[in-house]
Protein backbone atom coordinates (compact mmCIF):
# COMPACT_ATOMS: atom_id res chain seq x y z
CA LYS A 1 124.01 134.72 86.24
CA MET A 2 122.38 132.23 83.89
CA LEU A 3 122.01 129.88 86.86
CA GLY A 4 120.14 132.58 88.76
CA LEU A 5 117.72 133.01 85.85
CA LYS A 6 117.18 129.24 85.64
CA ASN A 7 116.43 129.10 89.37
CA ALA A 8 113.96 131.97 89.07
CA ALA A 9 112.17 130.13 86.25
CA PHE A 10 112.21 126.93 88.31
CA TYR A 11 110.31 128.50 91.19
CA ASN A 12 107.73 130.06 88.90
CA LYS A 13 106.76 126.69 87.47
CA ILE A 14 103.58 125.23 88.90
CA MET A 15 104.03 121.52 89.48
CA LYS A 16 102.94 119.31 92.35
CA ILE A 17 103.84 115.69 93.14
CA LEU A 18 101.24 113.70 95.08
CA ILE A 19 102.20 110.72 97.24
CA PRO A 20 100.01 108.61 99.56
CA THR A 21 100.44 107.99 103.27
CA ALA A 22 101.67 104.63 104.61
CA LYS A 23 100.48 102.35 107.39
CA GLU A 24 104.01 101.78 108.70
CA MET A 25 105.34 104.59 110.89
CA ASN A 26 108.71 105.33 112.46
CA LEU A 27 107.97 106.23 116.08
CA SER A 28 111.63 106.39 117.10
CA LEU A 29 111.91 109.93 115.72
CA LYS A 30 112.39 112.95 117.94
CA PRO A 31 108.95 114.57 118.36
CA HIS A 32 108.35 118.18 117.36
CA GLY A 33 106.02 120.86 118.67
CA LYS A 34 102.26 121.11 118.52
CA TYR A 35 100.46 121.07 115.19
CA PHE A 36 97.17 122.94 114.93
CA LEU A 37 94.44 120.77 113.47
CA SER A 38 92.12 122.06 110.75
CA GLU A 39 88.40 122.11 111.44
CA GLN A 40 87.98 119.19 109.02
CA THR A 41 90.50 117.08 110.94
CA LYS A 42 88.97 118.04 114.29
CA THR A 43 85.57 116.81 113.05
CA ILE A 44 87.05 113.42 112.10
CA VAL A 45 88.88 113.12 115.44
CA ALA A 46 85.74 114.06 117.37
CA SER A 47 83.79 111.35 115.55
CA LEU A 48 86.37 108.54 115.81
CA SER A 49 87.32 109.31 119.42
CA GLN A 50 83.79 108.25 120.45
CA TYR A 51 84.42 104.66 119.33
CA SER A 52 85.34 102.05 121.94
CA ILE A 53 88.48 99.93 121.48
CA GLU A 54 86.31 96.99 120.38
CA GLU A 55 84.46 99.17 117.85
CA LEU A 56 87.74 100.52 116.47
CA ALA A 57 89.05 96.95 116.08
CA LYS A 58 86.02 96.12 113.89
CA LEU A 59 86.16 99.40 111.99
CA TYR A 60 89.88 99.09 111.17
CA HIS A 61 89.94 95.28 110.87
CA VAL A 62 92.80 95.08 113.40
CA ASN A 63 93.38 93.20 116.67
CA LEU A 64 92.54 94.72 120.05
CA GLU A 65 96.16 95.69 120.72
CA ARG A 66 96.35 97.79 117.54
CA ALA A 67 92.90 99.21 118.23
CA GLU A 68 93.99 100.24 121.72
CA GLU A 69 96.98 102.12 120.24
CA GLU A 70 94.67 103.92 117.80
CA HIS A 71 92.20 104.71 120.59
CA LEU A 72 95.03 106.30 122.59
CA HIS A 73 96.23 108.31 119.57
CA LEU A 74 92.70 109.61 118.95
CA GLN A 75 92.26 110.65 122.59
CA GLN A 76 95.62 112.46 122.50
CA LEU A 77 94.62 114.25 119.28
CA LYS A 78 91.25 115.20 120.78
CA ASN A 79 92.92 116.57 123.93
CA GLU A 80 95.64 118.34 121.90
CA GLN A 81 98.36 116.31 123.61
CA ALA A 82 99.54 114.26 120.62
CA LEU A 83 103.23 114.22 119.69
CA THR A 84 103.99 115.41 116.14
CA TYR A 85 106.57 114.46 113.52
CA PRO A 86 107.35 115.64 109.96
CA ALA A 87 105.06 113.56 107.75
CA LEU A 88 107.79 112.61 105.24
CA HIS A 89 109.82 111.07 108.09
CA LEU A 90 106.94 109.61 110.13
CA PHE A 91 105.54 107.44 107.33
CA ASP A 92 107.87 104.50 106.81
CA GLY A 93 106.35 102.14 104.24
CA LEU A 94 108.40 100.64 101.42
CA MET A 95 107.95 103.65 99.13
CA TYR A 96 109.03 106.06 101.89
CA ARG A 97 112.11 103.99 102.75
CA ASN A 98 113.23 104.43 99.14
CA ILE A 99 112.87 108.24 99.19
CA LYS A 100 115.95 110.31 99.94
CA ARG A 101 115.03 111.79 103.33
CA SER A 102 118.37 112.38 105.04
CA ASP A 103 121.46 114.41 104.13
CA LEU A 104 119.33 116.60 101.87
CA MET A 105 121.00 119.58 100.23
CA GLU A 106 119.37 122.99 100.62
CA LYS A 107 118.09 122.93 97.03
CA GLU A 108 116.61 119.44 97.58
CA LEU A 109 114.78 120.60 100.70
CA ARG A 110 113.50 123.59 98.74
CA TYR A 111 112.30 121.28 95.95
CA ILE A 112 110.40 119.14 98.49
CA ASP A 113 108.85 122.25 100.07
CA ASN A 114 107.79 123.63 96.69
CA HIS A 115 106.54 120.50 94.98
CA LEU A 116 105.82 117.53 97.24
CA LEU A 117 102.40 116.96 98.83
CA ILE A 118 101.09 114.04 100.90
CA THR A 119 97.44 112.99 100.62
CA SER A 120 96.06 112.01 104.01
CA SER A 121 92.63 110.73 105.07
CA LEU A 122 93.01 112.48 108.43
CA TYR A 123 94.80 115.73 107.53
CA GLY A 124 93.80 116.32 103.90
CA ILE A 125 96.51 117.36 101.43
CA ILE A 126 99.55 118.55 103.37
CA PRO A 127 103.11 119.70 102.65
CA ALA A 128 105.57 116.80 102.93
CA MET A 129 107.24 118.27 106.01
CA ALA A 130 104.00 119.19 107.83
CA LEU A 131 103.92 118.11 111.48
CA ILE A 132 101.39 115.32 112.05
CA SER A 133 100.62 112.68 114.68
CA PRO A 134 100.61 108.87 114.34
CA HIS A 135 97.29 107.37 113.17
CA ARG A 136 95.94 104.36 111.27
CA LEU A 137 93.09 105.96 109.35
CA ASP A 138 92.97 105.47 105.58
CA PHE A 139 90.32 105.71 102.87
CA LEU A 140 89.51 101.99 103.09
CA VAL A 141 88.04 102.54 106.57
CA LYS A 142 84.25 102.56 106.19
CA CYS A 143 83.33 105.39 108.54
CA THR A 144 80.85 108.24 108.13
CA ILE A 145 81.87 111.82 108.91
CA SER A 146 79.16 114.50 108.91
CA GLY A 147 76.92 112.08 106.99
CA LYS A 148 79.51 111.45 104.25
CA SER A 149 82.06 108.76 103.39
CA LEU A 150 85.69 109.80 103.99
CA LYS A 151 86.25 110.29 100.25
CA ASN A 152 83.19 112.49 99.82
CA TYR A 153 84.03 114.37 103.00
CA TRP A 154 87.45 115.37 101.64
CA ARG A 155 86.65 115.73 97.91
CA ASN A 156 86.15 119.52 97.78
CA ASP A 157 89.27 120.18 99.85
CA TYR A 158 91.34 117.77 97.76
CA ASP A 159 90.19 119.40 94.51
CA ALA A 160 90.82 122.91 95.84
CA ALA A 161 94.34 122.05 97.03
CA ILE A 162 95.62 121.47 93.49
CA SER A 163 93.07 123.36 91.37
CA GLY A 164 95.59 125.93 90.11
CA GLU A 165 98.43 123.56 89.24
CA GLU A 166 99.65 123.26 85.65
CA MET A 167 101.17 119.82 86.15
CA ILE A 168 100.15 117.17 88.69
CA LEU A 169 102.35 114.10 89.03
CA SER A 170 100.43 111.28 90.71
CA LEU A 171 102.27 108.54 92.57
CA LEU A 172 98.97 107.59 94.24
CA SER A 173 97.09 104.33 94.38
CA SER A 174 93.45 104.34 93.20
CA GLU A 175 92.44 104.40 96.89
CA PHE A 176 93.76 107.97 97.10
CA GLU A 177 93.27 109.09 93.50
CA THR A 178 89.51 108.51 93.53
CA VAL A 179 89.10 111.06 96.33
CA PHE A 180 89.56 113.70 93.61
CA SER A 181 86.81 114.64 91.16
CA LYS A 182 87.13 113.14 87.69
CA SER A 183 87.91 116.55 86.18
CA VAL A 184 90.96 116.82 88.45
CA ARG A 185 92.03 113.18 87.91
CA ASP A 186 91.96 113.80 84.15
CA LYS A 187 94.77 116.36 84.58
CA MET A 188 97.11 113.93 86.38
CA LEU A 189 100.24 112.42 84.90
CA ARG A 190 100.57 108.85 86.16
CA PHE A 191 103.47 106.42 86.20
CA LYS A 192 103.87 102.67 85.77
CA PHE A 193 107.00 100.82 86.78
CA LEU A 194 107.55 97.44 85.13
CA GLU A 195 110.32 94.86 85.28
CA ASP A 196 111.72 93.16 82.20
CA ARG A 197 112.07 89.47 83.06
CA GLU A 198 113.63 87.68 80.10
CA GLY A 199 111.67 89.78 77.63
CA SER A 200 108.38 89.62 79.56
CA LEU A 201 107.21 92.82 81.26
CA LYS A 202 105.91 92.21 84.79
CA VAL A 203 104.12 94.42 87.33
CA HIS A 204 104.96 93.64 90.94
CA SER A 205 103.63 95.60 93.93
CA THR A 206 106.94 95.46 95.84
CA ILE A 207 108.92 96.64 92.82
CA SER A 208 106.33 99.35 92.10
CA LYS A 209 106.41 100.70 95.67
CA LYS A 210 110.21 100.79 95.75
CA ALA A 211 110.28 102.36 92.28
CA ARG A 212 107.93 105.17 93.31
CA GLY A 213 110.35 106.14 96.07
CA GLN A 214 113.37 105.80 93.78
CA PHE A 215 111.63 107.84 91.07
CA LEU A 216 110.76 110.57 93.56
CA THR A 217 114.38 110.60 94.74
CA ALA A 218 115.48 111.08 91.13
CA LEU A 219 113.03 113.98 90.73
CA ILE A 220 114.39 115.62 93.90
CA GLU A 221 118.07 115.09 93.13
CA ASN A 222 117.74 116.27 89.52
CA GLN A 223 115.34 119.14 90.32
CA ILE A 224 112.94 117.94 87.62
CA THR A 225 110.16 120.33 86.56
CA THR A 226 109.15 119.37 82.99
CA LYS A 227 107.77 116.33 81.19
CA GLU A 228 110.77 116.22 78.86
CA GLU A 229 113.13 116.09 81.83
CA ILE A 230 111.09 113.23 83.30
CA LYS A 231 111.48 111.24 80.07
CA GLN A 232 115.27 111.58 80.26
CA LEU A 233 115.49 110.17 83.79
CA GLN A 234 117.33 106.94 84.47
CA PHE A 235 117.31 105.57 88.01
CA ALA A 236 117.80 102.19 89.75
CA ASP A 237 118.07 100.50 86.29
CA PHE A 238 114.72 102.03 85.20
CA ALA A 239 114.42 103.93 81.92
CA PHE A 240 111.51 105.63 80.16
CA ARG A 241 109.77 103.65 77.40
CA GLU A 242 108.13 105.95 74.86
CA ASP A 243 106.60 102.99 72.99
CA LEU A 244 104.67 101.84 76.09
CA SER A 245 103.68 105.29 77.35
CA THR A 246 100.62 107.43 76.66
CA ILE A 247 99.98 111.14 77.01
CA ASP A 248 98.82 110.69 80.62
CA THR A 249 100.74 107.57 81.74
CA TYR A 250 104.52 107.33 81.56
CA VAL A 251 106.00 103.83 81.68
CA PHE A 252 109.44 103.07 83.07
CA VAL A 253 110.96 99.62 82.64
CA LYS A 254 113.64 98.06 84.82
CA GLU A 255 116.15 96.02 82.90
CA ASN A 256 117.17 92.85 84.70
CA LYS A 257 120.90 93.07 84.19
CA GLN A 258 122.63 89.70 84.29
CA LYS A 259 125.85 89.62 86.25
CA THR A 260 128.81 88.91 84.07
CA GLU A 261 132.12 87.68 85.31
């Protein structure tokens, strides 16, 4: 009975975890049904689908082969013929490959549904399991939609999506974080993942990306909903360092354990 009360309290808590999209995608997945695009997404698709392959190559800073793939994806989206996949499984960058995504228990799936959001430059802020189509667009692409930059175009929607949350955990890069207004960014709890190399603390992008996925896995598996619970987490040799942390940035350090015979 106590467990039932704890679960009830768990679902009443208002906490969201924000993660970015990734350029790498797993297209070997089984496609799902149609996903209805929001008006905001339709406007972006309508704009980008007018670009030629050569123009897309310049816009995205990619070769013609990649631009041709994106051109095809945009035409399929425009014609409502695009295949869709759950976002959490479609994105396949280093962070995503370190998130527990298979063999999930029912309570872990529920945790993901209740707490995990993906920030997209094409779809806005979406539930982790929302059905989306492959695309290359990100906030570094210098395009204008309805007379605005991508970040300005999405800002109101981004702010509104998490305006009522009590706790916002950000695993975002600045590319995605700066889409939000400053007043919303000021509410975010951020995380740094460092490695202890012979007493010297190092930041490394590969380690940080893997750590974000491993940290998120630890949140999911342990059903974490409070700041105190976050501080107690230990995962993949990372542990919380109170002395390095601030009120809005929690630091986790990975100890480089020497192998002993």
